[in-house]
Amino acid sequence: MLACAQRVSDCCAVKHTIDLDRENQWAVIRYQGEVAIEDALEVMRRLVAMPGWTPHCDRIVVYDDGLLGGITAEDFRRVRNDLVAFIAEHYGDTPNYSAQVCGNATQKPLVEYWVNFGRDAYAPGLKLFDTVTAAKAWLRRKRAGETDET
């Protein structure tokens, strides 16, 4: 497996890692610590600048160790359009999916709220999973043209 990892902690309030799997064309993004709404766009900027990234690259975002409690609905509304525009600019018409992962029972209700809040703004595909393994299986099914069972 060809992978490219980038650890970011010096420029952003949030610590996160981005592991880009070139072979499978997905990036696993893991948030750690307090997450600000602006971090989502910053992570996307870093991802598209990574060697090996292409518009076919899907995202698996893991929140198990991220703290989202400081993000408000107004914060999300403020940044949502910028995220959608950024994704449209860099991904174009290429179908791409965003699998959100949270197996942390304390964090999951908040992540589920944000996923549901953003689902309408992100047409290609956005879904919540308990594990990275389940998220990868969903991405494989989506790429194979299968429809969701839910």
N, C-alpha and C. Protein backbone atom coordinates (compact mmCIF):
# COMPACT_ATOMS: atom_id res chain seq x y z
N MET A 1 0.85 -1.17 0.00
CA MET A 1 0.00 0.00 0.00
C MET A 1 0.89 1.23 0.00
N LEU A 2 0.67 2.11 -0.93
CA LEU A 2 1.38 3.38 -0.96
C LEU A 2 0.60 4.36 -0.12
N ALA A 3 1.26 4.96 0.83
CA ALA A 3 0.57 5.90 1.70
C ALA A 3 1.47 7.11 1.94
N CYS A 4 0.84 8.21 2.17
CA CYS A 4 1.56 9.44 2.49
C CYS A 4 0.92 9.98 3.75
N ALA A 5 1.71 10.18 4.77
CA ALA A 5 1.16 10.67 6.03
C ALA A 5 1.69 12.07 6.30
N GLN A 6 0.83 12.89 6.84
CA GLN A 6 1.22 14.24 7.21
C GLN A 6 0.62 14.52 8.58
N ARG A 7 1.45 14.91 9.52
CA ARG A 7 0.97 15.26 10.85
C ARG A 7 1.02 16.77 10.96
N VAL A 8 -0.08 17.34 11.38
CA VAL A 8 -0.16 18.78 11.50
C VAL A 8 -0.50 19.12 12.94
N SER A 9 0.35 19.92 13.57
CA SER A 9 0.02 20.33 14.93
C SER A 9 0.58 21.70 15.26
N ASP A 10 1.45 22.20 14.41
CA ASP A 10 2.10 23.44 14.74
C ASP A 10 1.36 24.68 14.26
N CYS A 11 0.54 24.57 13.23
CA CYS A 11 -0.08 25.77 12.66
C CYS A 11 -1.54 25.91 13.04
N CYS A 12 -2.13 24.87 13.55
CA CYS A 12 -3.56 24.88 13.80
C CYS A 12 -3.83 24.61 15.27
N ALA A 13 -4.96 25.09 15.76
CA ALA A 13 -5.34 24.84 17.15
C ALA A 13 -5.63 23.36 17.37
N VAL A 14 -6.08 22.69 16.34
CA VAL A 14 -6.41 21.27 16.45
C VAL A 14 -5.24 20.45 15.95
N LYS A 15 -5.05 19.31 16.57
CA LYS A 15 -4.06 18.37 16.07
C LYS A 15 -4.81 17.36 15.22
N HIS A 16 -4.23 17.06 14.07
CA HIS A 16 -4.85 16.06 13.21
C HIS A 16 -3.77 15.38 12.37
N THR A 17 -4.14 14.23 11.87
CA THR A 17 -3.26 13.53 10.94
C THR A 17 -4.04 13.31 9.66
N ILE A 18 -3.31 13.28 8.57
CA ILE A 18 -3.89 12.95 7.27
C ILE A 18 -3.04 11.81 6.69
N ASP A 19 -3.65 10.67 6.52
CA ASP A 19 -2.99 9.54 5.88
C ASP A 19 -3.64 9.34 4.53
N LEU A 20 -2.89 9.65 3.47
CA LEU A 20 -3.39 9.52 2.11
C LEU A 20 -2.97 8.18 1.55
N ASP A 21 -3.94 7.35 1.27
CA ASP A 21 -3.68 6.03 0.68
C ASP A 21 -3.85 6.19 -0.83
N ARG A 22 -2.73 6.25 -1.53
CA ARG A 22 -2.76 6.49 -2.97
C ARG A 22 -3.38 5.33 -3.73
N GLU A 23 -3.14 4.13 -3.27
CA GLU A 23 -3.66 2.95 -3.95
C GLU A 23 -5.19 2.91 -3.91
N ASN A 24 -5.76 3.15 -2.74
CA ASN A 24 -7.22 3.12 -2.59
C ASN A 24 -7.88 4.47 -2.84
N GLN A 25 -7.07 5.51 -3.00
CA GLN A 25 -7.56 6.86 -3.26
C GLN A 25 -8.55 7.32 -2.20
N TRP A 26 -8.12 7.22 -0.94
CA TRP A 26 -8.86 7.84 0.15
C TRP A 26 -7.88 8.37 1.17
N ALA A 27 -8.33 9.34 1.91
CA ALA A 27 -7.52 9.92 2.98
C ALA A 27 -8.24 9.67 4.29
N VAL A 28 -7.49 9.21 5.28
CA VAL A 28 -8.03 9.06 6.62
C VAL A 28 -7.53 10.25 7.43
N ILE A 29 -8.47 11.08 7.85
CA ILE A 29 -8.18 12.29 8.60
C ILE A 29 -8.64 12.04 10.04
N ARG A 30 -7.72 12.17 10.98
CA ARG A 30 -8.05 11.94 12.38
C ARG A 30 -7.86 13.23 13.17
N TYR A 31 -8.96 13.70 13.75
CA TYR A 31 -8.92 14.87 14.61
C TYR A 31 -8.59 14.46 16.03
N GLN A 32 -7.81 15.29 16.70
CA GLN A 32 -7.48 15.07 18.10
C GLN A 32 -7.56 16.41 18.82
N GLY A 33 -8.23 16.44 19.95
CA GLY A 33 -8.35 17.68 20.70
C GLY A 33 -9.50 18.53 20.20
N GLU A 34 -9.49 19.77 20.63
CA GLU A 34 -10.58 20.69 20.31
C GLU A 34 -10.59 21.01 18.81
N VAL A 35 -11.75 20.89 18.20
CA VAL A 35 -11.93 21.13 16.78
C VAL A 35 -12.70 22.44 16.60
N ALA A 36 -12.15 23.33 15.78
CA ALA A 36 -12.84 24.57 15.40
C ALA A 36 -13.38 24.37 13.98
N ILE A 37 -14.44 25.06 13.64
CA ILE A 37 -15.07 24.88 12.33
C ILE A 37 -14.10 25.21 11.20
N GLU A 38 -13.22 26.17 11.40
CA GLU A 38 -12.25 26.54 10.36
C GLU A 38 -11.26 25.42 10.06
N ASP A 39 -11.08 24.50 11.00
CA ASP A 39 -10.15 23.40 10.79
C ASP A 39 -10.56 22.52 9.62
N ALA A 40 -11.85 22.39 9.37
CA ALA A 40 -12.32 21.53 8.27
C ALA A 40 -11.79 22.03 6.93
N LEU A 41 -11.85 23.31 6.71
CA LEU A 41 -11.35 23.87 5.44
C LEU A 41 -9.82 23.81 5.39
N GLU A 42 -9.16 24.05 6.50
CA GLU A 42 -7.70 23.97 6.55
C GLU A 42 -7.22 22.56 6.23
N VAL A 43 -7.89 21.56 6.76
CA VAL A 43 -7.53 20.17 6.47
C VAL A 43 -7.72 19.87 4.99
N MET A 44 -8.81 20.35 4.41
CA MET A 44 -9.05 20.13 2.98
C MET A 44 -7.96 20.78 2.14
N ARG A 45 -7.54 21.97 2.51
CA ARG A 45 -6.45 22.65 1.78
C ARG A 45 -5.17 21.83 1.84
N ARG A 46 -4.87 21.29 3.00
CA ARG A 46 -3.67 20.47 3.15
C ARG A 46 -3.79 19.18 2.35
N LEU A 47 -4.96 18.60 2.36
CA LEU A 47 -5.16 17.33 1.65
C LEU A 47 -4.92 17.49 0.16
N VAL A 48 -5.54 18.49 -0.47
CA VAL A 48 -5.41 18.63 -1.92
C VAL A 48 -3.99 19.02 -2.35
N ALA A 49 -3.17 19.50 -1.41
CA ALA A 49 -1.79 19.86 -1.72
C ALA A 49 -0.83 18.69 -1.54
N MET A 50 -1.30 17.58 -1.04
CA MET A 50 -0.44 16.43 -0.77
C MET A 50 -0.06 15.72 -2.07
N PRO A 51 1.19 15.25 -2.16
CA PRO A 51 1.59 14.46 -3.33
C PRO A 51 0.72 13.20 -3.43
N GLY A 52 0.21 12.95 -4.61
CA GLY A 52 -0.62 11.76 -4.82
C GLY A 52 -2.11 12.01 -4.72
N TRP A 53 -2.50 13.19 -4.24
CA TRP A 53 -3.93 13.49 -4.17
C TRP A 53 -4.47 13.68 -5.58
N THR A 54 -5.68 13.18 -5.83
CA THR A 54 -6.39 13.42 -7.09
C THR A 54 -7.86 13.70 -6.75
N PRO A 55 -8.65 14.19 -7.70
CA PRO A 55 -10.07 14.40 -7.44
C PRO A 55 -10.83 13.11 -7.15
N HIS A 56 -10.21 11.97 -7.34
CA HIS A 56 -10.87 10.70 -7.02
C HIS A 56 -10.70 10.32 -5.56
N CYS A 57 -10.01 11.14 -4.79
CA CYS A 57 -9.70 10.83 -3.39
C CYS A 57 -10.90 11.11 -2.48
N ASP A 58 -11.40 10.04 -1.87
CA ASP A 58 -12.49 10.18 -0.89
C ASP A 58 -11.89 10.48 0.48
N ARG A 59 -12.77 10.84 1.43
CA ARG A 59 -12.32 11.19 2.76
C ARG A 59 -12.99 10.33 3.82
N ILE A 60 -12.19 9.90 4.78
CA ILE A 60 -12.68 9.22 5.97
C ILE A 60 -12.23 10.10 7.14
N VAL A 61 -13.17 10.73 7.82
CA VAL A 61 -12.86 11.67 8.88
C VAL A 61 -13.22 11.03 10.21
N VAL A 62 -12.21 10.90 11.08
CA VAL A 62 -12.38 10.19 12.35
C VAL A 62 -12.38 11.20 13.49
N TYR A 63 -13.46 11.18 14.27
CA TYR A 63 -13.66 12.13 15.36
C TYR A 63 -13.56 11.52 16.74
N ASP A 64 -13.17 10.27 16.87
CA ASP A 64 -13.16 9.60 18.18
C ASP A 64 -12.43 10.40 19.25
N ASP A 65 -11.34 11.07 18.87
CA ASP A 65 -10.54 11.84 19.82
C ASP A 65 -10.66 13.34 19.63
N GLY A 66 -11.62 13.76 18.79
CA GLY A 66 -11.83 15.18 18.55
C GLY A 66 -12.94 15.71 19.44
N LEU A 67 -12.83 16.95 19.84
CA LEU A 67 -13.84 17.59 20.69
C LEU A 67 -14.57 18.64 19.87
N LEU A 68 -15.85 18.41 19.61
CA LEU A 68 -16.63 19.27 18.74
C LEU A 68 -17.60 20.20 19.47
N GLY A 69 -17.60 20.14 20.78
CA GLY A 69 -18.59 20.86 21.57
C GLY A 69 -18.60 22.36 21.40
N GLY A 70 -17.49 22.94 20.93
CA GLY A 70 -17.44 24.39 20.78
C GLY A 70 -18.00 24.90 19.46
N ILE A 71 -18.39 24.01 18.55
CA ILE A 71 -18.91 24.42 17.25
C ILE A 71 -20.41 24.66 17.35
N THR A 72 -20.84 25.81 16.87
CA THR A 72 -22.27 26.15 16.90
C THR A 72 -22.88 25.99 15.51
N ALA A 73 -24.19 25.99 15.47
CA ALA A 73 -24.89 25.92 14.18
C ALA A 73 -24.52 27.12 13.31
N GLU A 74 -24.36 28.28 13.91
CA GLU A 74 -23.97 29.47 13.15
C GLU A 74 -22.57 29.31 12.56
N ASP A 75 -21.65 28.72 13.33
CA ASP A 75 -20.31 28.45 12.82
C ASP A 75 -20.40 27.57 11.57
N PHE A 76 -21.20 26.52 11.67
CA PHE A 76 -21.33 25.58 10.56
C PHE A 76 -21.91 26.28 9.34
N ARG A 77 -22.95 27.06 9.52
CA ARG A 77 -23.56 27.79 8.39
C ARG A 77 -22.54 28.72 7.74
N ARG A 78 -21.72 29.35 8.55
CA ARG A 78 -20.73 30.31 8.06
C ARG A 78 -19.69 29.63 7.16
N VAL A 79 -19.28 28.44 7.48
CA VAL A 79 -18.20 27.77 6.76
C VAL A 79 -18.71 26.77 5.72
N ARG A 80 -19.94 26.32 5.86
CA ARG A 80 -20.49 25.27 4.98
C ARG A 80 -20.36 25.63 3.51
N ASN A 81 -20.76 26.83 3.12
CA ASN A 81 -20.69 27.22 1.71
C ASN A 81 -19.26 27.28 1.20
N ASP A 82 -18.32 27.72 2.05
CA ASP A 82 -16.91 27.73 1.65
C ASP A 82 -16.40 26.32 1.41
N LEU A 83 -16.80 25.38 2.27
CA LEU A 83 -16.39 23.99 2.10
C LEU A 83 -16.97 23.41 0.81
N VAL A 84 -18.24 23.64 0.57
CA VAL A 84 -18.89 23.13 -0.64
C VAL A 84 -18.21 23.71 -1.88
N ALA A 85 -17.91 25.01 -1.87
CA ALA A 85 -17.25 25.65 -3.00
C ALA A 85 -15.84 25.10 -3.20
N PHE A 86 -15.12 24.88 -2.11
CA PHE A 86 -13.76 24.34 -2.19
C PHE A 86 -13.78 22.94 -2.79
N ILE A 87 -14.69 22.12 -2.32
CA ILE A 87 -14.79 20.76 -2.84
C ILE A 87 -15.17 20.78 -4.32
N ALA A 88 -16.11 21.64 -4.69
CA ALA A 88 -16.51 21.75 -6.10
C ALA A 88 -15.33 22.19 -6.96
N GLU A 89 -14.53 23.14 -6.47
CA GLU A 89 -13.39 23.64 -7.23
C GLU A 89 -12.33 22.55 -7.43
N HIS A 90 -12.05 21.78 -6.40
CA HIS A 90 -10.95 20.82 -6.47
C HIS A 90 -11.37 19.43 -6.94
N TYR A 91 -12.62 19.08 -6.72
CA TYR A 91 -13.09 17.77 -7.14
C TYR A 91 -13.89 17.82 -8.44
N GLY A 92 -14.41 18.99 -8.77
CA GLY A 92 -15.19 19.13 -10.00
C GLY A 92 -16.37 18.17 -10.03
N ASP A 93 -16.56 17.52 -11.18
CA ASP A 93 -17.67 16.58 -11.34
C ASP A 93 -17.33 15.17 -10.88
N THR A 94 -16.14 14.97 -10.36
CA THR A 94 -15.73 13.63 -9.91
C THR A 94 -16.52 13.26 -8.66
N PRO A 95 -17.25 12.17 -8.70
CA PRO A 95 -17.97 11.76 -7.48
C PRO A 95 -16.96 11.48 -6.37
N ASN A 96 -17.20 12.05 -5.22
CA ASN A 96 -16.33 11.80 -4.07
C ASN A 96 -17.21 11.71 -2.84
N TYR A 97 -16.74 10.93 -1.90
CA TYR A 97 -17.56 10.63 -0.73
C TYR A 97 -16.82 11.00 0.53
N SER A 98 -17.59 11.29 1.55
CA SER A 98 -17.03 11.66 2.84
C SER A 98 -17.66 10.77 3.91
N ALA A 99 -16.85 9.85 4.42
CA ALA A 99 -17.31 8.95 5.48
C ALA A 99 -16.86 9.53 6.81
N GLN A 100 -17.79 9.82 7.66
CA GLN A 100 -17.51 10.35 8.99
C GLN A 100 -17.52 9.18 9.97
N VAL A 101 -16.54 9.12 10.85
CA VAL A 101 -16.40 7.98 11.76
C VAL A 101 -16.33 8.46 13.20
N CYS A 102 -17.16 7.84 14.03
CA CYS A 102 -17.09 8.11 15.47
C CYS A 102 -17.62 6.90 16.22
N GLY A 103 -16.72 6.18 16.86
CA GLY A 103 -17.10 5.05 17.69
C GLY A 103 -17.15 5.42 19.16
N ASN A 104 -16.83 6.67 19.47
CA ASN A 104 -16.84 7.16 20.84
C ASN A 104 -18.28 7.50 21.22
N ALA A 105 -18.85 6.74 22.15
CA ALA A 105 -20.27 6.89 22.51
C ALA A 105 -20.59 8.28 23.03
N THR A 106 -19.64 8.93 23.66
CA THR A 106 -19.88 10.28 24.19
C THR A 106 -19.92 11.31 23.06
N GLN A 107 -19.06 11.15 22.10
CA GLN A 107 -18.95 12.10 20.99
C GLN A 107 -19.97 11.86 19.88
N LYS A 108 -20.39 10.61 19.70
CA LYS A 108 -21.18 10.25 18.53
C LYS A 108 -22.46 11.06 18.33
N PRO A 109 -23.25 11.35 19.36
CA PRO A 109 -24.47 12.13 19.11
C PRO A 109 -24.18 13.50 18.49
N LEU A 110 -23.11 14.14 18.90
CA LEU A 110 -22.76 15.44 18.34
C LEU A 110 -22.29 15.31 16.89
N VAL A 111 -21.48 14.29 16.61
CA VAL A 111 -21.04 14.05 15.24
C VAL A 111 -22.24 13.74 14.35
N GLU A 112 -23.15 12.93 14.87
CA GLU A 112 -24.36 12.59 14.11
C GLU A 112 -25.19 13.84 13.79
N TYR A 113 -25.28 14.74 14.75
CA TYR A 113 -25.99 16.00 14.53
C TYR A 113 -25.35 16.78 13.39
N TRP A 114 -24.02 16.91 13.41
CA TRP A 114 -23.34 17.68 12.38
C TRP A 114 -23.43 17.01 11.01
N VAL A 115 -23.35 15.69 10.98
CA VAL A 115 -23.49 14.97 9.71
C VAL A 115 -24.88 15.21 9.13
N ASN A 116 -25.89 15.10 9.95
CA ASN A 116 -27.26 15.34 9.47
C ASN A 116 -27.46 16.80 9.06
N PHE A 117 -26.85 17.70 9.79
CA PHE A 117 -26.96 19.12 9.49
C PHE A 117 -26.31 19.44 8.14
N GLY A 118 -25.23 18.74 7.81
CA GLY A 118 -24.50 19.03 6.58
C GLY A 118 -24.86 18.18 5.39
N ARG A 119 -25.69 17.17 5.59
CA ARG A 119 -26.01 16.23 4.51
C ARG A 119 -26.58 16.94 3.28
N ASP A 120 -27.46 17.90 3.45
CA ASP A 120 -28.06 18.60 2.31
C ASP A 120 -27.05 19.46 1.56
N ALA A 121 -26.01 19.91 2.24
CA ALA A 121 -25.02 20.77 1.61
C ALA A 121 -23.98 19.95 0.84
N TYR A 122 -23.97 18.64 1.05
CA TYR A 122 -22.94 17.82 0.43
C TYR A 122 -23.59 16.69 -0.34
N ALA A 123 -23.89 16.95 -1.61
CA ALA A 123 -24.65 16.01 -2.44
C ALA A 123 -23.94 14.69 -2.77
N PRO A 124 -22.61 14.67 -2.98
CA PRO A 124 -22.00 13.42 -3.43
C PRO A 124 -22.21 12.24 -2.49
N GLY A 125 -22.14 12.44 -1.21
CA GLY A 125 -22.33 11.34 -0.28
C GLY A 125 -21.63 11.59 1.03
N LEU A 126 -22.40 11.55 2.09
CA LEU A 126 -21.91 11.81 3.44
C LEU A 126 -22.62 10.85 4.36
N LYS A 127 -21.85 10.06 5.12
CA LYS A 127 -22.47 9.06 5.97
C LYS A 127 -21.62 8.85 7.22
N LEU A 128 -22.28 8.47 8.32
CA LEU A 128 -21.62 8.26 9.61
C LEU A 128 -21.45 6.77 9.89
N PHE A 129 -20.28 6.40 10.42
CA PHE A 129 -19.96 5.01 10.75
C PHE A 129 -19.33 4.92 12.13
N ASP A 130 -19.35 3.72 12.70
CA ASP A 130 -18.72 3.47 14.00
C ASP A 130 -17.23 3.18 13.87
N THR A 131 -16.82 2.64 12.72
CA THR A 131 -15.42 2.24 12.54
C THR A 131 -14.89 2.66 11.17
N VAL A 132 -13.59 2.77 11.09
CA VAL A 132 -12.93 3.06 9.82
C VAL A 132 -13.13 1.90 8.86
N THR A 133 -13.12 0.68 9.37
CA THR A 133 -13.34 -0.51 8.54
C THR A 133 -14.70 -0.44 7.84
N ALA A 134 -15.73 -0.08 8.58
CA ALA A 134 -17.07 0.05 7.98
C ALA A 134 -17.10 1.17 6.96
N ALA A 135 -16.41 2.26 7.23
CA ALA A 135 -16.36 3.39 6.29
C ALA A 135 -15.68 2.97 4.99
N LYS A 136 -14.58 2.23 5.10
CA LYS A 136 -13.87 1.77 3.89
C LYS A 136 -14.74 0.82 3.08
N ALA A 137 -15.48 -0.05 3.75
CA ALA A 137 -16.38 -0.98 3.05
C ALA A 137 -17.45 -0.20 2.29
N TRP A 138 -18.00 0.85 2.91
CA TRP A 138 -19.01 1.70 2.26
C TRP A 138 -18.42 2.38 1.02
N LEU A 139 -17.19 2.90 1.15
CA LEU A 139 -16.55 3.55 0.00
C LEU A 139 -16.36 2.56 -1.14
N ARG A 140 -15.96 1.35 -0.81
CA ARG A 140 -15.79 0.34 -1.87
C ARG A 140 -17.13 0.06 -2.56
N ARG A 141 -18.21 -0.04 -1.78
CA ARG A 141 -19.54 -0.28 -2.37
C ARG A 141 -19.98 0.90 -3.23
N LYS A 142 -19.76 2.11 -2.76
CA LYS A 142 -20.14 3.31 -3.53
C LYS A 142 -19.39 3.33 -4.86
N ARG A 143 -18.12 3.04 -4.82
CA ARG A 143 -17.31 3.03 -6.03
C ARG A 143 -17.73 1.93 -7.00
N ALA A 144 -18.28 0.87 -6.46
CA ALA A 144 -18.75 -0.24 -7.30
C ALA A 144 -20.14 0.05 -7.86
N GLY A 145 -20.70 1.21 -7.48
CA GLY A 145 -22.01 1.60 -8.00
C GLY A 145 -23.19 1.08 -7.22
N GLU A 146 -22.94 0.51 -6.06
CA GLU A 146 -24.04 0.02 -5.24
C GLU A 146 -24.70 1.18 -4.52
N THR A 147 -26.00 1.05 -4.27
CA THR A 147 -26.73 2.08 -3.54
C THR A 147 -26.74 1.73 -2.06
N ASP A 148 -26.97 2.74 -1.25
CA ASP A 148 -27.05 2.53 0.19
C ASP A 148 -28.31 1.78 0.55
N GLU A 149 -28.16 0.98 1.59
CA GLU A 149 -29.31 0.23 2.09
C GLU A 149 -30.19 1.08 2.99
N THR A 150 -29.67 2.25 3.41
CA THR A 150 -30.47 3.12 4.28
C THR A 150 -30.89 4.35 3.54
